Amino acid sequence: MSLLKEALQHTKECIDKTLSDLLPSQKDLIPPALEAPLIEGMRYSTLEGGKRIRAFLTLESCKLFNIPEEQALQVAAAVELVHAFSLIHDDLPAFDNSDLRRGKPSCHIKFGESTAILVGDALLAYAFEILASAKTHPNGDIRCQLIAELSHAAGYKGICSGEMMDLASENTHIEMETIVRLENLKTGSILSFCARSGAILASASEKDLHKLDAFGHEFGVIYQITDDLLDLEGTAEEVGKCVGGDSMLGKATMLNLLGRDAAIEYAHMLADQAIQYLDNFGEKANLLKELVLFVLKRRS
């Protein structure tokens, strides 16, 4: 097993334990526990499956600045909760109408649409509660900055606007510049937050923040291109979710605009740029550089 795969597996084990400890469980409920489906849905949608790429990116960013592991895991957990929220809502019939997520029934299939919406809402809110904890950082100003930047990435300046653009662009021709903006909002915003998180916790220089922000956005577009490629060429067994939906919905993607080969070539060009943004961080950034190349070749 390569060093990167070992590190990814270690991250998955650490973040899964952290999330399990942080999330409420049935034992926390007061009889008659009418809210039990909400708690079950939160754990179901967060704990089972997932590659934890966002958590890995967060932890590796923190290692660049020697951030204590407990603080790094708090931020990584918050990010994974926001990611789970976005997937739950993305799978709903009003959006992608996907029945499968992480190799199992989507949250709305398992628990119903109303409960799934509440589960997503609860996970999003809980992410900010975690960031507000003194365990995340002793300095309240830094905690406030983390909360502000993650809300930026998740809200109308990030994921939500990206999803709105995604809906509005179905079966519509849009130019490359707009697709890049869509993908930066929908995918790159949260990945950019992950990449910057260590610098925020460390009160690092604007130069470091800028380089990691740029890295995160380039990485986000790469990730989205490979995700679209898997939707086109992968199987549900490989990917763990329904495939072919983007084509059926007429989604605006780099693949549809540029064609398969040109989109892959563009992703490789972005990968070269993303890796260059990490050069100033020396050997500490080696796993992040490997991650970029890993994502280019991923099959799940």
C-alpha atoms as a PDB file:
ATOM      1  CA  MET A   1       0.000   0.000   0.000  1.00  0.00           C
ATOM      2  CA  SER A   2       1.334   3.439  -0.948  1.00  0.00           C
ATOM      3  CA  LEU A   3       2.000   6.114   1.661  1.00  0.00           C
ATOM      4  CA  LEU A   4      -0.950   8.107   0.341  1.00  0.00           C
ATOM      5  CA  LYS A   5      -3.383   5.198   0.582  1.00  0.00           C
ATOM      6  CA  GLU A   6      -2.146   4.441   4.097  1.00  0.00           C
ATOM      7  CA  ALA A   7      -2.635   8.090   5.046  1.00  0.00           C
ATOM      8  CA  LEU A   8      -6.131   8.154   3.523  1.00  0.00           C
ATOM      9  CA  GLN A   9      -7.086   5.019   5.436  1.00  0.00           C
ATOM     10  CA  HIS A  10      -5.692   6.453   8.674  1.00  0.00           C
ATOM     11  CA  THR A  11      -7.659   9.663   8.109  1.00  0.00           C
ATOM     12  CA  LYS A  12     -10.839   7.683   7.494  1.00  0.00           C
ATOM     13  CA  GLU A  13     -10.400   5.759  10.749  1.00  0.00           C
ATOM     14  CA  CYS A  14      -9.640   8.901  12.772  1.00  0.00           C
ATOM     15  CA  ILE A  15     -12.438  11.024  11.349  1.00  0.00           C
ATOM     16  CA  ASP A  16     -14.999   8.224  11.571  1.00  0.00           C
ATOM     17  CA  LYS A  17     -14.234   7.839  15.278  1.00  0.00           C
ATOM     18  CA  THR A  18     -14.339  11.598  15.818  1.00  0.00           C
ATOM     19  CA  LEU A  19     -17.683  11.892  14.038  1.00  0.00           C
ATOM     20  CA  SER A  20     -19.122   8.929  15.928  1.00  0.00           C
ATOM     21  CA  ASP A  21     -18.123  10.543  19.221  1.00  0.00           C
ATOM     22  CA  LEU A  22     -19.480  13.967  18.232  1.00  0.00           C
ATOM     23  CA  LEU A  23     -22.808  12.949  16.712  1.00  0.00           C
ATOM     24  CA  PRO A  24     -25.808  12.415  18.986  1.00  0.00           C
ATOM     25  CA  SER A  25     -26.996   8.840  19.483  1.00  0.00           C
ATOM     26  CA  GLN A  26     -30.197   7.131  20.564  1.00  0.00           C
ATOM     27  CA  LYS A  27     -29.035   7.019  24.184  1.00  0.00           C
ATOM     28  CA  ASP A  28     -29.103  10.825  24.260  1.00  0.00           C
ATOM     29  CA  LEU A  29     -32.839  10.925  23.550  1.00  0.00           C
ATOM     30  CA  ILE A  30     -35.620  11.498  26.072  1.00  0.00           C
ATOM     31  CA  PRO A  31     -38.592   9.081  25.810  1.00  0.00           C
ATOM     32  CA  PRO A  32     -40.762   8.808  23.795  1.00  0.00           C
ATOM     33  CA  ALA A  33     -37.882   9.828  21.484  1.00  0.00           C
ATOM     34  CA  LEU A  34     -40.044  11.020  18.612  1.00  0.00           C
ATOM     35  CA  GLU A  35     -36.966  12.635  17.059  1.00  0.00           C
ATOM     36  CA  ALA A  36     -35.186   9.253  16.785  1.00  0.00           C
ATOM     37  CA  PRO A  37     -35.371   9.112  12.944  1.00  0.00           C
ATOM     38  CA  LEU A  38     -33.517  12.442  12.790  1.00  0.00           C
ATOM     39  CA  ILE A  39     -30.670  11.152  14.953  1.00  0.00           C
ATOM     40  CA  GLU A  40     -30.544   7.852  13.081  1.00  0.00           C
ATOM     41  CA  GLY A  41     -30.477   9.711   9.768  1.00  0.00           C
ATOM     42  CA  MET A  42     -27.623  11.955  10.910  1.00  0.00           C
ATOM     43  CA  ARG A  43     -25.493   8.950  11.811  1.00  0.00           C
ATOM     44  CA  TYR A  44     -26.551   6.938   8.744  1.00  0.00           C
ATOM     45  CA  SER A  45     -25.644   9.710   6.316  1.00  0.00           C
ATOM     46  CA  THR A  46     -22.359  10.654   7.961  1.00  0.00           C
ATOM     47  CA  LEU A  47     -20.714   7.552   9.388  1.00  0.00           C
ATOM     48  CA  GLU A  48     -21.142   4.852   6.779  1.00  0.00           C
ATOM     49  CA  GLY A  49     -18.986   5.131   3.667  1.00  0.00           C
ATOM     50  CA  GLY A  50     -17.242   8.086   2.095  1.00  0.00           C
ATOM     51  CA  LYS A  51     -13.643   8.566   1.018  1.00  0.00           C
ATOM     52  CA  ARG A  52     -13.029  11.436   3.485  1.00  0.00           C
ATOM     53  CA  ILE A  53     -11.067  13.415   0.892  1.00  0.00           C
ATOM     54  CA  ARG A  54     -12.203  16.676   2.478  1.00  0.00           C
ATOM     55  CA  ALA A  55     -11.155  15.543   5.939  1.00  0.00           C
ATOM     56  CA  PHE A  56      -7.795  14.426   4.550  1.00  0.00           C
ATOM     57  CA  LEU A  57      -7.259  17.766   2.842  1.00  0.00           C
ATOM     58  CA  THR A  58      -8.092  19.545   6.108  1.00  0.00           C
ATOM     59  CA  LEU A  59      -5.751  17.418   8.215  1.00  0.00           C
ATOM     60  CA  GLU A  60      -2.894  17.752   5.743  1.00  0.00           C
ATOM     61  CA  SER A  61      -3.365  21.521   5.625  1.00  0.00           C
ATOM     62  CA  CYS A  62      -3.136  21.560   9.416  1.00  0.00           C
ATOM     63  CA  LYS A  63       0.071  19.518   9.305  1.00  0.00           C
ATOM     64  CA  LEU A  64       1.683  22.221   7.172  1.00  0.00           C
ATOM     65  CA  PHE A  65       1.410  24.516  10.213  1.00  0.00           C
ATOM     66  CA  ASN A  66       1.871  21.972  13.032  1.00  0.00           C
ATOM     67  CA  ILE A  67      -1.699  22.369  14.283  1.00  0.00           C
ATOM     68  CA  PRO A  68      -2.617  20.049  17.207  1.00  0.00           C
ATOM     69  CA  GLU A  69      -4.506  16.969  16.018  1.00  0.00           C
ATOM     70  CA  GLU A  70      -7.575  17.605  18.209  1.00  0.00           C
ATOM     71  CA  GLN A  71      -8.102  21.021  16.627  1.00  0.00           C
ATOM     72  CA  ALA A  72      -7.567  19.635  13.126  1.00  0.00           C
ATOM     73  CA  LEU A  73     -10.083  16.826  13.706  1.00  0.00           C
ATOM     74  CA  GLN A  74     -12.698  19.271  14.971  1.00  0.00           C
ATOM     75  CA  VAL A  75     -12.468  21.276  11.750  1.00  0.00           C
ATOM     76  CA  ALA A  76     -12.350  18.134   9.599  1.00  0.00           C
ATOM     77  CA  ALA A  77     -15.481  16.814  11.321  1.00  0.00           C
ATOM     78  CA  ALA A  78     -17.326  20.081  10.689  1.00  0.00           C
ATOM     79  CA  VAL A  79     -16.366  19.913   7.013  1.00  0.00           C
ATOM     80  CA  GLU A  80     -17.592  16.323   6.702  1.00  0.00           C
ATOM     81  CA  LEU A  81     -20.941  17.304   8.242  1.00  0.00           C
ATOM     82  CA  VAL A  82     -21.349  20.109   5.707  1.00  0.00           C
ATOM     83  CA  HIS A  83     -20.415  17.688   2.930  1.00  0.00           C
ATOM     84  CA  ALA A  84     -22.980  15.147   4.155  1.00  0.00           C
ATOM     85  CA  PHE A  85     -25.636  17.882   4.245  1.00  0.00           C
ATOM     86  CA  SER A  86     -24.859  18.822   0.641  1.00  0.00           C
ATOM     87  CA  LEU A  87     -25.072  15.197  -0.543  1.00  0.00           C
ATOM     88  CA  ILE A  88     -28.408  14.583   1.198  1.00  0.00           C
ATOM     89  CA  HIS A  89     -29.990  17.626  -0.414  1.00  0.00           C
ATOM     90  CA  ASP A  90     -28.307  16.932  -3.775  1.00  0.00           C
ATOM     91  CA  ASP A  91     -29.881  13.449  -3.895  1.00  0.00           C
ATOM     92  CA  LEU A  92     -33.435  14.711  -3.298  1.00  0.00           C
ATOM     93  CA  PRO A  93     -36.013  14.353  -6.111  1.00  0.00           C
ATOM     94  CA  ALA A  94     -36.066  18.140  -6.514  1.00  0.00           C
ATOM     95  CA  PHE A  95     -32.373  18.057  -7.437  1.00  0.00           C
ATOM     96  CA  ASP A  96     -30.589  14.979  -8.837  1.00  0.00           C
ATOM     97  CA  ASN A  97     -33.237  12.440  -7.740  1.00  0.00           C
ATOM     98  CA  SER A  98     -30.573   9.863  -6.864  1.00  0.00           C
ATOM     99  CA  ASP A  99     -31.546   6.672  -5.036  1.00  0.00           C
ATOM    100  CA  LEU A 100     -28.014   5.542  -4.184  1.00  0.00           C
ATOM    101  CA  ARG A 101     -25.255   7.212  -2.167  1.00  0.00           C
ATOM    102  CA  ARG A 102     -22.033   5.664  -0.863  1.00  0.00           C
ATOM    103  CA  GLY A 103     -23.220   2.240  -1.970  1.00  0.00           C
ATOM    104  CA  LYS A 104     -26.499   2.281  -0.014  1.00  0.00           C
ATOM    105  CA  PRO A 105     -29.964   3.874  -0.290  1.00  0.00           C
ATOM    106  CA  SER A 106     -29.885   7.673  -0.213  1.00  0.00           C
ATOM    107  CA  CYS A 107     -31.136   9.344   2.952  1.00  0.00           C
ATOM    108  CA  HIS A 108     -34.533  10.239   1.462  1.00  0.00           C
ATOM    109  CA  ILE A 109     -35.033   6.661   0.252  1.00  0.00           C
ATOM    110  CA  LYS A 110     -34.180   5.267   3.685  1.00  0.00           C
ATOM    111  CA  PHE A 111     -36.048   7.790   5.843  1.00  0.00           C
ATOM    112  CA  GLY A 112     -38.360   9.743   3.529  1.00  0.00           C
ATOM    113  CA  GLU A 113     -37.966  13.194   1.993  1.00  0.00           C
ATOM    114  CA  SER A 114     -39.148  15.249   4.960  1.00  0.00           C
ATOM    115  CA  THR A 115     -36.782  13.536   7.377  1.00  0.00           C
ATOM    116  CA  ALA A 116     -33.908  13.767   4.879  1.00  0.00           C
ATOM    117  CA  ILE A 117     -34.338  17.534   4.608  1.00  0.00           C
ATOM    118  CA  LEU A 118     -34.284  17.840   8.400  1.00  0.00           C
ATOM    119  CA  VAL A 119     -31.222  15.579   8.633  1.00  0.00           C
ATOM    120  CA  GLY A 120     -29.346  17.801   6.182  1.00  0.00           C
ATOM    121  CA  ASP A 121     -30.391  20.936   8.047  1.00  0.00           C
ATOM    122  CA  ALA A 122     -29.331  19.452  11.393  1.00  0.00           C
ATOM    123  CA  LEU A 123     -25.918  18.399  10.081  1.00  0.00           C
ATOM    124  CA  LEU A 124     -25.259  21.851   8.637  1.00  0.00           C
ATOM    125  CA  ALA A 125     -26.193  23.562  11.901  1.00  0.00           C
ATOM    126  CA  TYR A 126     -24.154  21.131  13.989  1.00  0.00           C
ATOM    127  CA  ALA A 127     -21.035  21.811  11.908  1.00  0.00           C
ATOM    128  CA  PHE A 128     -20.984  25.397  13.171  1.00  0.00           C
ATOM    129  CA  GLU A 129     -21.632  24.297  16.751  1.00  0.00           C
ATOM    130  CA  ILE A 130     -18.481  22.171  16.521  1.00  0.00           C
ATOM    131  CA  LEU A 131     -16.431  25.068  15.161  1.00  0.00           C
ATOM    132  CA  ALA A 132     -17.719  27.286  17.975  1.00  0.00           C
ATOM    133  CA  SER A 133     -16.342  24.895  20.608  1.00  0.00           C
ATOM    134  CA  ALA A 134     -13.204  25.901  22.522  1.00  0.00           C
ATOM    135  CA  LYS A 135     -11.804  22.485  21.539  1.00  0.00           C
ATOM    136  CA  THR A 136     -11.470  23.806  17.989  1.00  0.00           C
ATOM    137  CA  HIS A 137      -9.195  26.675  19.054  1.00  0.00           C
ATOM    138  CA  PRO A 138      -8.734  28.633  22.299  1.00  0.00           C
ATOM    139  CA  ASN A 139      -8.901  31.953  20.431  1.00  0.00           C
ATOM    140  CA  GLY A 140     -12.489  33.061  19.851  1.00  0.00           C
ATOM    141  CA  ASP A 141     -11.509  35.296  16.928  1.00  0.00           C
ATOM    142  CA  ILE A 142     -10.053  32.324  15.070  1.00  0.00           C
ATOM    143  CA  ARG A 143     -13.166  30.260  15.775  1.00  0.00           C
ATOM    144  CA  CYS A 144     -15.267  33.117  14.394  1.00  0.00           C
ATOM    145  CA  GLN A 145     -13.112  33.237  11.267  1.00  0.00           C
ATOM    146  CA  LEU A 146     -13.551  29.491  10.727  1.00  0.00           C
ATOM    147  CA  ILE A 147     -17.322  29.824  11.149  1.00  0.00           C
ATOM    148  CA  ALA A 148     -17.482  32.791   8.767  1.00  0.00           C
ATOM    149  CA  GLU A 149     -15.397  31.098   6.090  1.00  0.00           C
ATOM    150  CA  LEU A 150     -17.191  27.743   6.261  1.00  0.00           C
ATOM    151  CA  SER A 151     -20.583  29.483   6.115  1.00  0.00           C
ATOM    152  CA  HIS A 152     -19.260  31.403   3.098  1.00  0.00           C
ATOM    153  CA  ALA A 153     -18.284  28.099   1.434  1.00  0.00           C
ATOM    154  CA  ALA A 154     -21.602  26.408   2.237  1.00  0.00           C
ATOM    155  CA  GLY A 155     -24.037  29.250   1.605  1.00  0.00           C
ATOM    156  CA  TYR A 156     -24.990  31.668  -1.137  1.00  0.00           C
ATOM    157  CA  LYS A 157     -21.334  32.472  -1.864  1.00  0.00           C
ATOM    158  CA  GLY A 158     -20.483  28.791  -2.291  1.00  0.00           C
ATOM    159  CA  ILE A 159     -22.342  25.480  -2.510  1.00  0.00           C
ATOM    160  CA  CYS A 160     -25.878  26.915  -2.634  1.00  0.00           C
ATOM    161  CA  SER A 161     -25.100  29.273  -5.515  1.00  0.00           C
ATOM    162  CA  GLY A 162     -23.261  26.481  -7.301  1.00  0.00           C
ATOM    163  CA  GLU A 163     -26.315  24.226  -6.981  1.00  0.00           C
ATOM    164  CA  MET A 164     -28.581  27.044  -8.204  1.00  0.00           C
ATOM    165  CA  MET A 165     -26.366  27.545 -11.255  1.00  0.00           C
ATOM    166  CA  ASP A 166     -26.362  23.772 -11.785  1.00  0.00           C
ATOM    167  CA  LEU A 167     -30.167  23.708 -11.845  1.00  0.00           C
ATOM    168  CA  ALA A 168     -30.459  26.803 -14.034  1.00  0.00           C
ATOM    169  CA  SER A 169     -27.979  25.499 -16.611  1.00  0.00           C
ATOM    170  CA  GLU A 170     -29.687  22.162 -17.319  1.00  0.00           C
ATOM    171  CA  ASN A 171     -30.159  21.664 -21.076  1.00  0.00           C
ATOM    172  CA  THR A 172     -28.617  25.091 -21.668  1.00  0.00           C
ATOM    173  CA  HIS A 173     -25.348  25.981 -23.382  1.00  0.00           C
ATOM    174  CA  ILE A 174     -23.072  28.001 -21.135  1.00  0.00           C
ATOM    175  CA  GLU A 175     -19.506  29.143 -21.727  1.00  0.00           C
ATOM    176  CA  MET A 176     -16.419  27.681 -20.114  1.00  0.00           C
ATOM    177  CA  GLU A 177     -15.887  30.674 -17.820  1.00  0.00           C
ATOM    178  CA  THR A 178     -19.346  30.134 -16.327  1.00  0.00           C
ATOM    179  CA  ILE A 179     -18.802  26.389 -15.912  1.00  0.00           C
ATOM    180  CA  VAL A 180     -15.527  27.059 -14.080  1.00  0.00           C
ATOM    181  CA  ARG A 181     -17.360  29.491 -11.786  1.00  0.00           C
ATOM    182  CA  LEU A 182     -20.141  26.942 -11.220  1.00  0.00           C
ATOM    183  CA  GLU A 183     -17.628  24.231 -10.300  1.00  0.00           C
ATOM    184  CA  ASN A 184     -15.644  26.598  -8.080  1.00  0.00           C
ATOM    185  CA  LEU A 185     -18.817  27.386  -6.140  1.00  0.00           C
ATOM    186  CA  LYS A 186     -20.339  23.905  -6.067  1.00  0.00           C
ATOM    187  CA  THR A 187     -17.171  21.916  -5.341  1.00  0.00           C
ATOM    188  CA  GLY A 188     -14.172  24.224  -5.054  1.00  0.00           C
ATOM    189  CA  SER A 189     -15.536  26.453  -2.287  1.00  0.00           C
ATOM    190  CA  ILE A 190     -15.575  23.743   0.370  1.00  0.00           C
ATOM    191  CA  LEU A 191     -12.292  22.216  -0.830  1.00  0.00           C
ATOM    192  CA  SER A 192     -10.670  25.643  -0.733  1.00  0.00           C
ATOM    193  CA  PHE A 193     -11.833  26.035   2.878  1.00  0.00           C
ATOM    194  CA  CYS A 194     -10.280  22.643   3.682  1.00  0.00           C
ATOM    195  CA  ALA A 195      -6.999  23.659   2.064  1.00  0.00           C
ATOM    196  CA  ARG A 196      -6.910  26.971   3.970  1.00  0.00           C
ATOM    197  CA  SER A 197      -8.049  25.607   7.323  1.00  0.00           C
ATOM    198  CA  GLY A 198      -4.559  24.975   8.707  1.00  0.00           C
ATOM    199  CA  ALA A 199      -3.480  28.482   7.753  1.00  0.00           C
ATOM    200  CA  ILE A 200      -6.552  29.950   9.478  1.00  0.00           C
ATOM    201  CA  LEU A 201      -5.884  27.995  12.676  1.00  0.00           C
ATOM    202  CA  ALA A 202      -2.237  29.104  12.578  1.00  0.00           C
ATOM    203  CA  SER A 203      -2.983  32.770  11.777  1.00  0.00           C
ATOM    204  CA  ALA A 204      -0.649  32.313   8.823  1.00  0.00           C
ATOM    205  CA  SER A 205       0.386  34.965   6.311  1.00  0.00           C
ATOM    206  CA  GLU A 206      -1.859  36.263   3.540  1.00  0.00           C
ATOM    207  CA  LYS A 207       0.605  34.756   1.079  1.00  0.00           C
ATOM    208  CA  ASP A 208       0.095  31.264   2.509  1.00  0.00           C
ATOM    209  CA  LEU A 209      -3.683  31.734   2.613  1.00  0.00           C
ATOM    210  CA  HIS A 210      -3.716  32.881  -1.016  1.00  0.00           C
ATOM    211  CA  LYS A 211      -1.644  29.931  -2.255  1.00  0.00           C
ATOM    212  CA  LEU A 212      -3.766  27.386  -0.394  1.00  0.00           C
ATOM    213  CA  ASP A 213      -6.970  29.063  -1.562  1.00  0.00           C
ATOM    214  CA  ALA A 214      -5.796  28.874  -5.175  1.00  0.00           C
ATOM    215  CA  PHE A 215      -4.737  25.256  -4.691  1.00  0.00           C
ATOM    216  CA  GLY A 216      -8.153  24.373  -3.277  1.00  0.00           C
ATOM    217  CA  HIS A 217     -10.058  25.930  -6.160  1.00  0.00           C
ATOM    218  CA  GLU A 218      -7.877  24.247  -8.809  1.00  0.00           C
ATOM    219  CA  PHE A 219      -8.258  20.955  -6.950  1.00  0.00           C
ATOM    220  CA  GLY A 220     -12.027  21.462  -6.858  1.00  0.00           C
ATOM    221  CA  VAL A 221     -12.321  21.780 -10.632  1.00  0.00           C
ATOM    222  CA  ILE A 222     -10.079  18.722 -11.096  1.00  0.00           C
ATOM    223  CA  TYR A 223     -12.253  16.774  -8.677  1.00  0.00           C
ATOM    224  CA  GLN A 224     -15.443  17.808 -10.470  1.00  0.00           C
ATOM    225  CA  ILE A 225     -14.077  16.854 -13.893  1.00  0.00           C
ATOM    226  CA  THR A 226     -13.112  13.381 -12.670  1.00  0.00           C
ATOM    227  CA  ASP A 227     -16.499  13.091 -10.925  1.00  0.00           C
ATOM    228  CA  ASP A 228     -18.252  13.908 -14.195  1.00  0.00           C
ATOM    229  CA  LEU A 229     -16.054  11.368 -15.988  1.00  0.00           C
ATOM    230  CA  LEU A 230     -17.051   8.683 -13.483  1.00  0.00           C
ATOM    231  CA  ASP A 231     -20.705   9.601 -13.997  1.00  0.00           C
ATOM    232  CA  LEU A 232     -20.181   9.027 -17.717  1.00  0.00           C
ATOM    233  CA  GLU A 233     -17.943   5.945 -17.696  1.00  0.00           C
ATOM    234  CA  GLY A 234     -18.140   4.402 -14.215  1.00  0.00           C
ATOM    235  CA  THR A 235     -20.556   1.870 -12.767  1.00  0.00           C
ATOM    236  CA  ALA A 236     -22.790   2.258  -9.721  1.00  0.00           C
ATOM    237  CA  GLU A 237     -20.761  -0.488  -8.029  1.00  0.00           C
ATOM    238  CA  GLU A 238     -17.502   1.408  -8.581  1.00  0.00           C
ATOM    239  CA  VAL A 239     -18.784   4.843  -7.707  1.00  0.00           C
ATOM    240  CA  GLY A 240     -21.261   3.943  -4.961  1.00  0.00           C
ATOM    241  CA  LYS A 241     -23.990   6.152  -6.432  1.00  0.00           C
ATOM    242  CA  CYS A 242     -26.257   6.257  -9.470  1.00  0.00           C
ATOM    243  CA  VAL A 243     -24.420   7.083 -12.697  1.00  0.00           C
ATOM    244  CA  GLY A 244     -25.544   8.663 -15.951  1.00  0.00           C
ATOM    245  CA  GLY A 245     -27.741  11.215 -14.214  1.00  0.00           C
ATOM    246  CA  ASP A 246     -25.783  14.230 -15.451  1.00  0.00           C
ATOM    247  CA  SER A 247     -26.369  13.257 -19.074  1.00  0.00           C
ATOM    248  CA  MET A 248     -30.075  12.602 -18.511  1.00  0.00           C
ATOM    249  CA  LEU A 249     -30.512  15.982 -16.826  1.00  0.00           C
ATOM    250  CA  GLY A 250     -28.431  17.810 -19.445  1.00  0.00           C
ATOM    251  CA  LYS A 251     -25.981  19.157 -16.865  1.00  0.00           C
ATOM    252  CA  ALA A 252     -23.455  21.802 -17.872  1.00  0.00           C
ATOM    253  CA  THR A 253     -20.061  20.144 -17.406  1.00  0.00           C
ATOM    254  CA  MET A 254     -16.546  20.438 -18.761  1.00  0.00           C
ATOM    255  CA  LEU A 255     -17.014  17.049 -20.415  1.00  0.00           C
ATOM    256  CA  ASN A 256     -20.084  18.218 -22.311  1.00  0.00           C
ATOM    257  CA  LEU A 257     -18.451  21.501 -23.323  1.00  0.00           C
ATOM    258  CA  LEU A 258     -14.928  20.351 -24.221  1.00  0.00           C
ATOM    259  CA  GLY A 259     -15.370  16.652 -24.902  1.00  0.00           C
ATOM    260  CA  ARG A 260     -13.796  13.820 -22.924  1.00  0.00           C
ATOM    261  CA  ASP A 261     -10.168  14.057 -24.052  1.00  0.00           C
ATOM    262  CA  ALA A 262      -9.936  17.852 -23.914  1.00  0.00           C
ATOM    263  CA  ALA A 263     -11.527  17.897 -20.446  1.00  0.00           C
ATOM    264  CA  ILE A 264      -8.991  15.351 -19.186  1.00  0.00           C
ATOM    265  CA  GLU A 265      -6.165  17.397 -20.708  1.00  0.00           C
ATOM    266  CA  TYR A 266      -7.532  20.503 -18.971  1.00  0.00           C
ATOM    267  CA  ALA A 267      -7.640  18.631 -15.648  1.00  0.00           C
ATOM    268  CA  HIS A 268      -3.976  17.656 -16.051  1.00  0.00           C
ATOM    269  CA  MET A 269      -3.060  21.276 -16.762  1.00  0.00           C
ATOM    270  CA  LEU A 270      -4.880  22.357 -13.594  1.00  0.00           C
ATOM    271  CA  ALA A 271      -3.086  19.621 -11.656  1.00  0.00           C
ATOM    272  CA  ASP A 272       0.295  21.028 -12.669  1.00  0.00           C
ATOM    273  CA  GLN A 273      -0.789  24.479 -11.495  1.00  0.00           C
ATOM    274  CA  ALA A 274      -2.232  23.165  -8.231  1.00  0.00           C
ATOM    275  CA  ILE A 275       0.984  21.342  -7.372  1.00  0.00           C
ATOM    276  CA  GLN A 276       3.031  24.484  -8.030  1.00  0.00           C
ATOM    277  CA  TYR A 277       0.988  26.378  -5.427  1.00  0.00           C
ATOM    278  CA  LEU A 278       2.319  23.932  -2.823  1.00  0.00           C
ATOM    279  CA  ASP A 279       6.018  24.282  -3.651  1.00  0.00           C
ATOM    280  CA  ASN A 280       6.681  26.808  -0.874  1.00  0.00           C
ATOM    281  CA  PHE A 281       5.577  24.310   1.773  1.00  0.00           C
ATOM    282  CA  GLY A 282       8.376  21.835   1.049  1.00  0.00           C
ATOM    283  CA  GLU A 283       8.174  18.144   1.922  1.00  0.00           C
ATOM    284  CA  LYS A 284       5.228  18.714   4.259  1.00  0.00           C
ATOM    285  CA  ALA A 285       3.065  19.140   1.156  1.00  0.00           C
ATOM    286  CA  ASN A 286       4.133  15.886  -0.524  1.00  0.00           C
ATOM    287  CA  LEU A 287       0.951  13.993   0.348  1.00  0.00           C
ATOM    288  CA  LEU A 288      -1.192  16.860  -0.907  1.00  0.00           C
ATOM    289  CA  LYS A 289       0.677  16.762  -4.207  1.00  0.00           C
ATOM    290  CA  GLU A 290       0.148  12.997  -4.385  1.00  0.00           C
ATOM    291  CA  LEU A 291      -3.539  13.522  -3.661  1.00  0.00           C
ATOM    292  CA  VAL A 292      -3.899  15.663  -6.785  1.00  0.00           C
ATOM    293  CA  LEU A 293      -2.441  12.899  -8.953  1.00  0.00           C
ATOM    294  CA  PHE A 294      -4.546  10.285  -7.140  1.00  0.00           C
ATOM    295  CA  VAL A 295      -7.764  12.181  -7.888  1.00  0.00           C
ATOM    296  CA  LEU A 296      -6.838  12.432 -11.570  1.00  0.00           C
ATOM    297  CA  LYS A 297      -6.821   8.617 -11.768  1.00  0.00           C
ATOM    298  CA  ARG A 298      -9.607   7.756  -9.328  1.00  0.00           C
ATOM    299  CA  ARG A 299     -12.276   5.192 -10.162  1.00  0.00           C
ATOM    300  CA  SER A 300     -14.599   5.796  -7.220  1.00  0.00           C
END
